[in-house]
Amino acid sequence: MIPRWLTVAVVAALLQFVPVPSGAAPSQPPLKPGTTWMYRYTIAPTSGARRTGTLKLTYGGMTTYRGKNYYYTEATNTVTPGLVARDYYVWTHGHFRQAAEQAYDAQNNGLEIQFDKTFPFDIPERVSGHAALVQNGVPQGDVPWSVAVTYGGAVKVTVPAGTFQAERWDTKFQFGDTRQLQTVETMGYTDLRAEVKHYLGAALSSTTTRELVSGPVL
């Protein structure tokens, strides 16, 4: 079974970059390493107190993970102090596609998910496969997964950073016996607002929201 801290905070932030502006697709991400966004971040469990804090997201550029080169982002937040989540992506035809995820909690417990296929969050697409799960460096076997992305159209969204004309993307992500239903409203490469409902089996366990406070809207 996937640790609860993973289902709440790690898979919740599967992708931080979405639709590519119109025009020719650049050969590499038009983002500067070190670019940072700050979000108001809320976790609302079905039982227990609602908690709100700040989430910091940083685009790190290119790095090497398990012998391969990927682009990556790193996220930390004040609601679950000590948790560091890093997502790894490939860049294909002007889109980021998820390849792997790595996270460590405050007790230095580590968990990695290595997908057998890459998948987007800004293209209407359905993808499924198996992912290698590694906990504290020890392989835990393969876990089935699937992603379904649909386009929700143009929307107007107001967040602490301002009011924007955005695009909505809905994503259903299934990973073993956990499921996340995500709605994200984006402008260019920037997430403005995201809401994720987390399920363990058929039961809703929590809802997380992320609303842009500061950072470039690209």
C-alpha atoms as a PDB file:
ATOM      1  CA  MET A   1       0.000   0.000   0.000  1.00  0.00           C
ATOM      2  CA  ILE A   2       1.195   3.526  -0.753  1.00  0.00           C
ATOM      3  CA  PRO A   3       2.023   5.560   2.383  1.00  0.00           C
ATOM      4  CA  ARG A   4      -0.660   8.071   3.346  1.00  0.00           C
ATOM      5  CA  TRP A   5       1.803  10.970   3.184  1.00  0.00           C
ATOM      6  CA  LEU A   6       2.371  10.182  -0.480  1.00  0.00           C
ATOM      7  CA  THR A   7      -1.289  10.132  -1.434  1.00  0.00           C
ATOM      8  CA  VAL A   8      -1.928  13.445   0.314  1.00  0.00           C
ATOM      9  CA  ALA A   9       1.028  15.521  -0.792  1.00  0.00           C
ATOM     10  CA  VAL A  10       3.028  13.901  -3.558  1.00  0.00           C
ATOM     11  CA  VAL A  11       0.687  12.599  -6.216  1.00  0.00           C
ATOM     12  CA  ALA A  12      -1.408  15.707  -5.548  1.00  0.00           C
ATOM     13  CA  ALA A  13       1.092  17.809  -7.462  1.00  0.00           C
ATOM     14  CA  LEU A  14       1.793  15.583 -10.421  1.00  0.00           C
ATOM     15  CA  LEU A  15       2.310  18.412 -12.854  1.00  0.00           C
ATOM     16  CA  GLN A  16       2.913  22.113 -12.410  1.00  0.00           C
ATOM     17  CA  PHE A  17       3.137  23.210 -16.045  1.00  0.00           C
ATOM     18  CA  VAL A  18       0.333  23.074 -18.546  1.00  0.00           C
ATOM     19  CA  PRO A  19      -0.816  24.518 -21.883  1.00  0.00           C
ATOM     20  CA  VAL A  20       1.846  25.809 -24.223  1.00  0.00           C
ATOM     21  CA  PRO A  21       1.184  29.224 -25.788  1.00  0.00           C
ATOM     22  CA  SER A  22       0.304  29.213 -29.469  1.00  0.00           C
ATOM     23  CA  GLY A  23       3.054  29.270 -32.088  1.00  0.00           C
ATOM     24  CA  ALA A  24       5.935  27.001 -32.970  1.00  0.00           C
ATOM     25  CA  ALA A  25       6.933  24.619 -30.192  1.00  0.00           C
ATOM     26  CA  PRO A  26      10.333  25.510 -28.711  1.00  0.00           C
ATOM     27  CA  SER A  27      13.047  22.853 -28.741  1.00  0.00           C
ATOM     28  CA  GLN A  28      13.450  23.166 -24.976  1.00  0.00           C
ATOM     29  CA  PRO A  29      11.347  24.602 -22.153  1.00  0.00           C
ATOM     30  CA  PRO A  30      11.320  28.434 -22.292  1.00  0.00           C
ATOM     31  CA  LEU A  31      11.703  28.590 -18.520  1.00  0.00           C
ATOM     32  CA  LYS A  32      14.692  29.786 -16.527  1.00  0.00           C
ATOM     33  CA  PRO A  33      16.046  27.422 -13.858  1.00  0.00           C
ATOM     34  CA  GLY A  34      15.258  28.874 -10.463  1.00  0.00           C
ATOM     35  CA  THR A  35      11.878  30.277 -11.516  1.00  0.00           C
ATOM     36  CA  THR A  36       9.667  30.113  -8.431  1.00  0.00           C
ATOM     37  CA  TRP A  37       5.927  30.283  -7.745  1.00  0.00           C
ATOM     38  CA  MET A  38       4.246  30.650  -4.360  1.00  0.00           C
ATOM     39  CA  TYR A  39       0.763  29.246  -3.680  1.00  0.00           C
ATOM     40  CA  ARG A  40      -1.788  29.329  -0.902  1.00  0.00           C
ATOM     41  CA  TYR A  41      -2.065  25.628  -0.113  1.00  0.00           C
ATOM     42  CA  THR A  42      -4.910  23.936   1.752  1.00  0.00           C
ATOM     43  CA  ILE A  43      -5.435  20.329   2.807  1.00  0.00           C
ATOM     44  CA  ALA A  44      -9.007  19.493   3.869  1.00  0.00           C
ATOM     45  CA  PRO A  45      -9.266  15.884   5.131  1.00  0.00           C
ATOM     46  CA  THR A  46     -12.651  14.226   5.389  1.00  0.00           C
ATOM     47  CA  SER A  47     -11.924  13.754   9.085  1.00  0.00           C
ATOM     48  CA  GLY A  48      -9.766  16.199  10.978  1.00  0.00           C
ATOM     49  CA  ALA A  49      -8.947  19.867  10.821  1.00  0.00           C
ATOM     50  CA  ARG A  50      -8.508  21.873   7.640  1.00  0.00           C
ATOM     51  CA  ARG A  51      -4.949  23.201   7.295  1.00  0.00           C
ATOM     52  CA  THR A  52      -3.767  26.117   5.163  1.00  0.00           C
ATOM     53  CA  GLY A  53      -0.230  27.245   4.480  1.00  0.00           C
ATOM     54  CA  THR A  54       2.147  28.059   1.649  1.00  0.00           C
ATOM     55  CA  LEU A  55       3.505  25.880  -1.129  1.00  0.00           C
ATOM     56  CA  LYS A  56       6.702  26.832  -2.940  1.00  0.00           C
ATOM     57  CA  LEU A  57       7.287  25.440  -6.416  1.00  0.00           C
ATOM     58  CA  THR A  58      10.633  25.817  -8.177  1.00  0.00           C
ATOM     59  CA  TYR A  59      11.571  24.900 -11.744  1.00  0.00           C
ATOM     60  CA  GLY A  60      15.065  23.445 -11.588  1.00  0.00           C
ATOM     61  CA  GLY A  61      15.908  22.935 -15.250  1.00  0.00           C
ATOM     62  CA  MET A  62      17.809  19.838 -16.342  1.00  0.00           C
ATOM     63  CA  THR A  63      19.072  17.136 -13.973  1.00  0.00           C
ATOM     64  CA  THR A  64      20.052  13.459 -14.030  1.00  0.00           C
ATOM     65  CA  TYR A  65      17.828  10.889 -12.379  1.00  0.00           C
ATOM     66  CA  ARG A  66      18.734   7.197 -12.416  1.00  0.00           C
ATOM     67  CA  GLY A  67      21.106   7.687 -15.319  1.00  0.00           C
ATOM     68  CA  LYS A  68      18.761   9.692 -17.563  1.00  0.00           C
ATOM     69  CA  ASN A  69      18.362  13.412 -18.172  1.00  0.00           C
ATOM     70  CA  TYR A  70      15.090  15.053 -17.196  1.00  0.00           C
ATOM     71  CA  TYR A  71      13.646  18.474 -16.484  1.00  0.00           C
ATOM     72  CA  TYR A  72      12.350  18.776 -12.950  1.00  0.00           C
ATOM     73  CA  THR A  73      10.345  20.783 -10.447  1.00  0.00           C
ATOM     74  CA  GLU A  74      10.630  20.714  -6.672  1.00  0.00           C
ATOM     75  CA  ALA A  75       7.853  21.500  -4.210  1.00  0.00           C
ATOM     76  CA  THR A  76       7.859  22.124  -0.459  1.00  0.00           C
ATOM     77  CA  ASN A  77       5.045  23.369   1.749  1.00  0.00           C
ATOM     78  CA  THR A  78       4.412  24.605   5.270  1.00  0.00           C
ATOM     79  CA  VAL A  79       1.402  22.343   5.868  1.00  0.00           C
ATOM     80  CA  THR A  80       3.551  19.195   5.805  1.00  0.00           C
ATOM     81  CA  PRO A  81       6.968  20.550   6.892  1.00  0.00           C
ATOM     82  CA  GLY A  82       9.965  18.541   5.759  1.00  0.00           C
ATOM     83  CA  LEU A  83       8.241  16.974   2.780  1.00  0.00           C
ATOM     84  CA  VAL A  84      10.112  17.509  -0.480  1.00  0.00           C
ATOM     85  CA  ALA A  85       8.497  16.329  -3.738  1.00  0.00           C
ATOM     86  CA  ARG A  86      10.410  16.309  -6.999  1.00  0.00           C
ATOM     87  CA  ASP A  87       8.774  15.584 -10.372  1.00  0.00           C
ATOM     88  CA  TYR A  88      10.741  14.583 -13.463  1.00  0.00           C
ATOM     89  CA  TYR A  89       9.645  15.360 -17.033  1.00  0.00           C
ATOM     90  CA  VAL A  90      10.588  14.963 -20.640  1.00  0.00           C
ATOM     91  CA  TRP A  91       9.915  17.786 -23.105  1.00  0.00           C
ATOM     92  CA  THR A  92       8.128  16.655 -26.274  1.00  0.00           C
ATOM     93  CA  HIS A  93       6.686  18.917 -28.999  1.00  0.00           C
ATOM     94  CA  GLY A  94       6.260  21.837 -26.623  1.00  0.00           C
ATOM     95  CA  HIS A  95       4.766  19.860 -23.730  1.00  0.00           C
ATOM     96  CA  PHE A  96       6.056  18.488 -20.431  1.00  0.00           C
ATOM     97  CA  ARG A  97       5.316  14.814 -19.905  1.00  0.00           C
ATOM     98  CA  GLN A  98       5.639  13.141 -16.502  1.00  0.00           C
ATOM     99  CA  ALA A  99       8.300  10.419 -16.281  1.00  0.00           C
ATOM    100  CA  ALA A 100       8.956   9.865 -12.565  1.00  0.00           C
ATOM    101  CA  GLU A 101       8.407  11.224  -9.070  1.00  0.00           C
ATOM    102  CA  GLN A 102      10.550  11.217  -5.953  1.00  0.00           C
ATOM    103  CA  ALA A 103       9.646  12.360  -2.444  1.00  0.00           C
ATOM    104  CA  TYR A 104      11.067  12.416   1.055  1.00  0.00           C
ATOM    105  CA  ASP A 105       9.235  13.207   4.267  1.00  0.00           C
ATOM    106  CA  ALA A 106      10.501  14.873   7.440  1.00  0.00           C
ATOM    107  CA  GLN A 107      11.795  11.533   8.762  1.00  0.00           C
ATOM    108  CA  ASN A 108      13.770  11.022   5.519  1.00  0.00           C
ATOM    109  CA  ASN A 109      11.497   8.214   4.351  1.00  0.00           C
ATOM    110  CA  GLY A 110      11.896   8.124   0.588  1.00  0.00           C
ATOM    111  CA  LEU A 111       9.553   6.947  -2.115  1.00  0.00           C
ATOM    112  CA  GLU A 112       9.994   6.895  -5.892  1.00  0.00           C
ATOM    113  CA  ILE A 113       7.582   6.200  -8.736  1.00  0.00           C
ATOM    114  CA  GLN A 114       9.117   5.354 -12.098  1.00  0.00           C
ATOM    115  CA  PHE A 115       6.501   5.222 -14.855  1.00  0.00           C
ATOM    116  CA  ASP A 116       6.955   2.909 -17.818  1.00  0.00           C
ATOM    117  CA  LYS A 117       5.468   5.558 -20.134  1.00  0.00           C
ATOM    118  CA  THR A 118       5.378   9.330 -20.027  1.00  0.00           C
ATOM    119  CA  PHE A 119       2.056  11.165 -19.874  1.00  0.00           C
ATOM    120  CA  PRO A 120       0.805  14.755 -20.217  1.00  0.00           C
ATOM    121  CA  PHE A 121      -1.608  16.930 -18.289  1.00  0.00           C
ATOM    122  CA  ASP A 122      -2.247  19.475 -21.032  1.00  0.00           C
ATOM    123  CA  ILE A 123      -3.245  17.228 -23.948  1.00  0.00           C
ATOM    124  CA  PRO A 124      -6.531  15.290 -24.190  1.00  0.00           C
ATOM    125  CA  GLU A 125      -5.113  11.800 -23.847  1.00  0.00           C
ATOM    126  CA  ARG A 126      -5.539   8.451 -22.122  1.00  0.00           C
ATOM    127  CA  VAL A 127      -2.460   6.516 -21.046  1.00  0.00           C
ATOM    128  CA  SER A 128      -1.994   3.462 -18.817  1.00  0.00           C
ATOM    129  CA  GLY A 129       0.771   1.124 -17.761  1.00  0.00           C
ATOM    130  CA  HIS A 130       2.781  -0.058 -14.761  1.00  0.00           C
ATOM    131  CA  ALA A 131       5.126   1.896 -12.519  1.00  0.00           C
ATOM    132  CA  ALA A 132       8.074   0.669 -10.483  1.00  0.00           C
ATOM    133  CA  LEU A 133       7.640   1.614  -6.827  1.00  0.00           C
ATOM    134  CA  VAL A 134      10.794   2.072  -4.724  1.00  0.00           C
ATOM    135  CA  GLN A 135      10.619   2.750  -0.980  1.00  0.00           C
ATOM    136  CA  ASN A 136      13.763   3.801   0.895  1.00  0.00           C
ATOM    137  CA  GLY A 137      15.824   2.451  -1.982  1.00  0.00           C
ATOM    138  CA  VAL A 138      14.147  -0.992  -1.926  1.00  0.00           C
ATOM    139  CA  PRO A 139      12.013  -2.031  -4.944  1.00  0.00           C
ATOM    140  CA  GLN A 140       8.418  -2.750  -3.943  1.00  0.00           C
ATOM    141  CA  GLY A 141       7.218  -4.174  -7.269  1.00  0.00           C
ATOM    142  CA  ASP A 142       5.073  -2.750 -10.033  1.00  0.00           C
ATOM    143  CA  VAL A 143       1.824  -0.830  -9.580  1.00  0.00           C
ATOM    144  CA  PRO A 144      -0.793  -0.365 -12.329  1.00  0.00           C
ATOM    145  CA  TRP A 145      -1.647   3.217 -13.227  1.00  0.00           C
ATOM    146  CA  SER A 146      -3.761   5.159 -15.684  1.00  0.00           C
ATOM    147  CA  VAL A 147      -4.290   8.793 -16.655  1.00  0.00           C
ATOM    148  CA  ALA A 148      -7.189  10.401 -18.530  1.00  0.00           C
ATOM    149  CA  VAL A 149      -6.935  14.087 -19.440  1.00  0.00           C
ATOM    150  CA  THR A 150      -9.819  16.175 -20.808  1.00  0.00           C
ATOM    151  CA  TYR A 151     -10.030  19.840 -21.809  1.00  0.00           C
ATOM    152  CA  GLY A 152     -12.580  21.863 -19.866  1.00  0.00           C
ATOM    153  CA  GLY A 153     -12.567  25.049 -21.941  1.00  0.00           C
ATOM    154  CA  ALA A 154     -11.803  28.707 -21.257  1.00  0.00           C
ATOM    155  CA  VAL A 155     -12.611  30.039 -17.773  1.00  0.00           C
ATOM    156  CA  LYS A 156     -12.143  33.182 -15.703  1.00  0.00           C
ATOM    157  CA  VAL A 157     -10.325  32.546 -12.422  1.00  0.00           C
ATOM    158  CA  THR A 158      -9.573  34.792  -9.458  1.00  0.00           C
ATOM    159  CA  VAL A 159      -6.705  33.890  -7.117  1.00  0.00           C
ATOM    160  CA  PRO A 160      -4.617  35.967  -4.669  1.00  0.00           C
ATOM    161  CA  ALA A 161      -2.307  36.920  -7.565  1.00  0.00           C
ATOM    162  CA  GLY A 162      -5.196  38.470  -9.542  1.00  0.00           C
ATOM    163  CA  THR A 163      -7.927  37.664 -12.064  1.00  0.00           C
ATOM    164  CA  PHE A 164      -7.014  35.845 -15.277  1.00  0.00           C
ATOM    165  CA  GLN A 165      -8.514  34.292 -18.376  1.00  0.00           C
ATOM    166  CA  ALA A 166      -7.451  30.682 -18.058  1.00  0.00           C
ATOM    167  CA  GLU A 167      -7.904  27.226 -19.526  1.00  0.00           C
ATOM    168  CA  ARG A 168      -9.255  24.310 -17.548  1.00  0.00           C
ATOM    169  CA  TRP A 169      -7.897  20.763 -17.625  1.00  0.00           C
ATOM    170  CA  ASP A 170      -9.453  17.815 -15.798  1.00  0.00           C
ATOM    171  CA  THR A 171      -7.308  14.809 -14.985  1.00  0.00           C
ATOM    172  CA  LYS A 172      -8.195  11.436 -13.515  1.00  0.00           C
ATOM    173  CA  PHE A 173      -5.143   9.647 -12.154  1.00  0.00           C
ATOM    174  CA  GLN A 174      -5.383   6.080 -10.840  1.00  0.00           C
ATOM    175  CA  PHE A 175      -2.401   4.538  -9.040  1.00  0.00           C
ATOM    176  CA  GLY A 176      -3.020   1.165  -7.482  1.00  0.00           C
ATOM    177  CA  ASP A 177      -5.859   1.589  -4.988  1.00  0.00           C
ATOM    178  CA  THR A 178      -5.489   5.376  -4.859  1.00  0.00           C
ATOM    179  CA  ARG A 179      -7.152   7.855  -7.186  1.00  0.00           C
ATOM    180  CA  GLN A 180      -6.858  11.591  -7.724  1.00  0.00           C
ATOM    181  CA  LEU A 181      -9.374  13.766  -9.575  1.00  0.00           C
ATOM    182  CA  GLN A 182      -7.685  17.034 -10.476  1.00  0.00           C
ATOM    183  CA  THR A 183      -9.052  20.252 -11.953  1.00  0.00           C
ATOM    184  CA  VAL A 184      -6.403  22.801 -12.846  1.00  0.00           C
ATOM    185  CA  GLU A 185      -6.877  26.274 -14.310  1.00  0.00           C
ATOM    186  CA  THR A 186      -3.830  27.518 -16.159  1.00  0.00           C
ATOM    187  CA  MET A 187      -2.434  30.396 -18.164  1.00  0.00           C
ATOM    188  CA  GLY A 188       0.529  29.586 -20.374  1.00  0.00           C
ATOM    189  CA  TYR A 189       2.990  27.579 -18.308  1.00  0.00           C
ATOM    190  CA  THR A 190       1.573  28.673 -14.962  1.00  0.00           C
ATOM    191  CA  ASP A 191      -0.957  26.894 -12.785  1.00  0.00           C
ATOM    192  CA  LEU A 192      -3.299  29.527 -11.361  1.00  0.00           C
ATOM    193  CA  ARG A 193      -5.524  27.256  -9.315  1.00  0.00           C
ATOM    194  CA  ALA A 194      -5.676  23.498  -8.795  1.00  0.00           C
ATOM    195  CA  GLU A 195      -8.086  21.348  -6.821  1.00  0.00           C
ATOM    196  CA  VAL A 196      -7.375  17.669  -6.220  1.00  0.00           C
ATOM    197  CA  LYS A 197      -9.728  15.162  -4.626  1.00  0.00           C
ATOM    198  CA  HIS A 198      -7.885  12.161  -3.160  1.00  0.00           C
ATOM    199  CA  TYR A 199      -9.510   8.755  -2.864  1.00  0.00           C
ATOM    200  CA  LEU A 200      -8.351   5.584  -1.150  1.00  0.00           C
ATOM    201  CA  GLY A 201     -10.403   2.871  -2.743  1.00  0.00           C
ATOM    202  CA  ALA A 202     -13.908   4.284  -3.171  1.00  0.00           C
ATOM    203  CA  ALA A 203     -13.674   6.653  -0.195  1.00  0.00           C
ATOM    204  CA  LEU A 204     -12.733  10.321  -0.453  1.00  0.00           C
ATOM    205  CA  SER A 205      -9.867  10.944   1.981  1.00  0.00           C
ATOM    206  CA  SER A 206      -9.049  14.626   1.417  1.00  0.00           C
ATOM    207  CA  THR A 207      -9.176  17.600  -0.921  1.00  0.00           C
ATOM    208  CA  THR A 208      -6.192  19.828  -1.609  1.00  0.00           C
ATOM    209  CA  THR A 209      -6.242  23.230  -3.289  1.00  0.00           C
ATOM    210  CA  ARG A 210      -3.438  25.396  -4.605  1.00  0.00           C
ATOM    211  CA  GLU A 211      -3.961  29.089  -5.542  1.00  0.00           C
ATOM    212  CA  LEU A 212      -1.280  31.321  -7.031  1.00  0.00           C
ATOM    213  CA  VAL A 213      -0.044  34.088  -4.717  1.00  0.00           C
ATOM    214  CA  SER A 214       3.078  35.228  -6.557  1.00  0.00           C
ATOM    215  CA  GLY A 215       5.367  34.256  -9.401  1.00  0.00           C
ATOM    216  CA  PRO A 216       5.485  34.792 -13.150  1.00  0.00           C
ATOM    217  CA  VAL A 217       2.423  34.078 -15.267  1.00  0.00           C
ATOM    218  CA  LEU A 218       4.155  32.827 -18.399  1.00  0.00           C
END
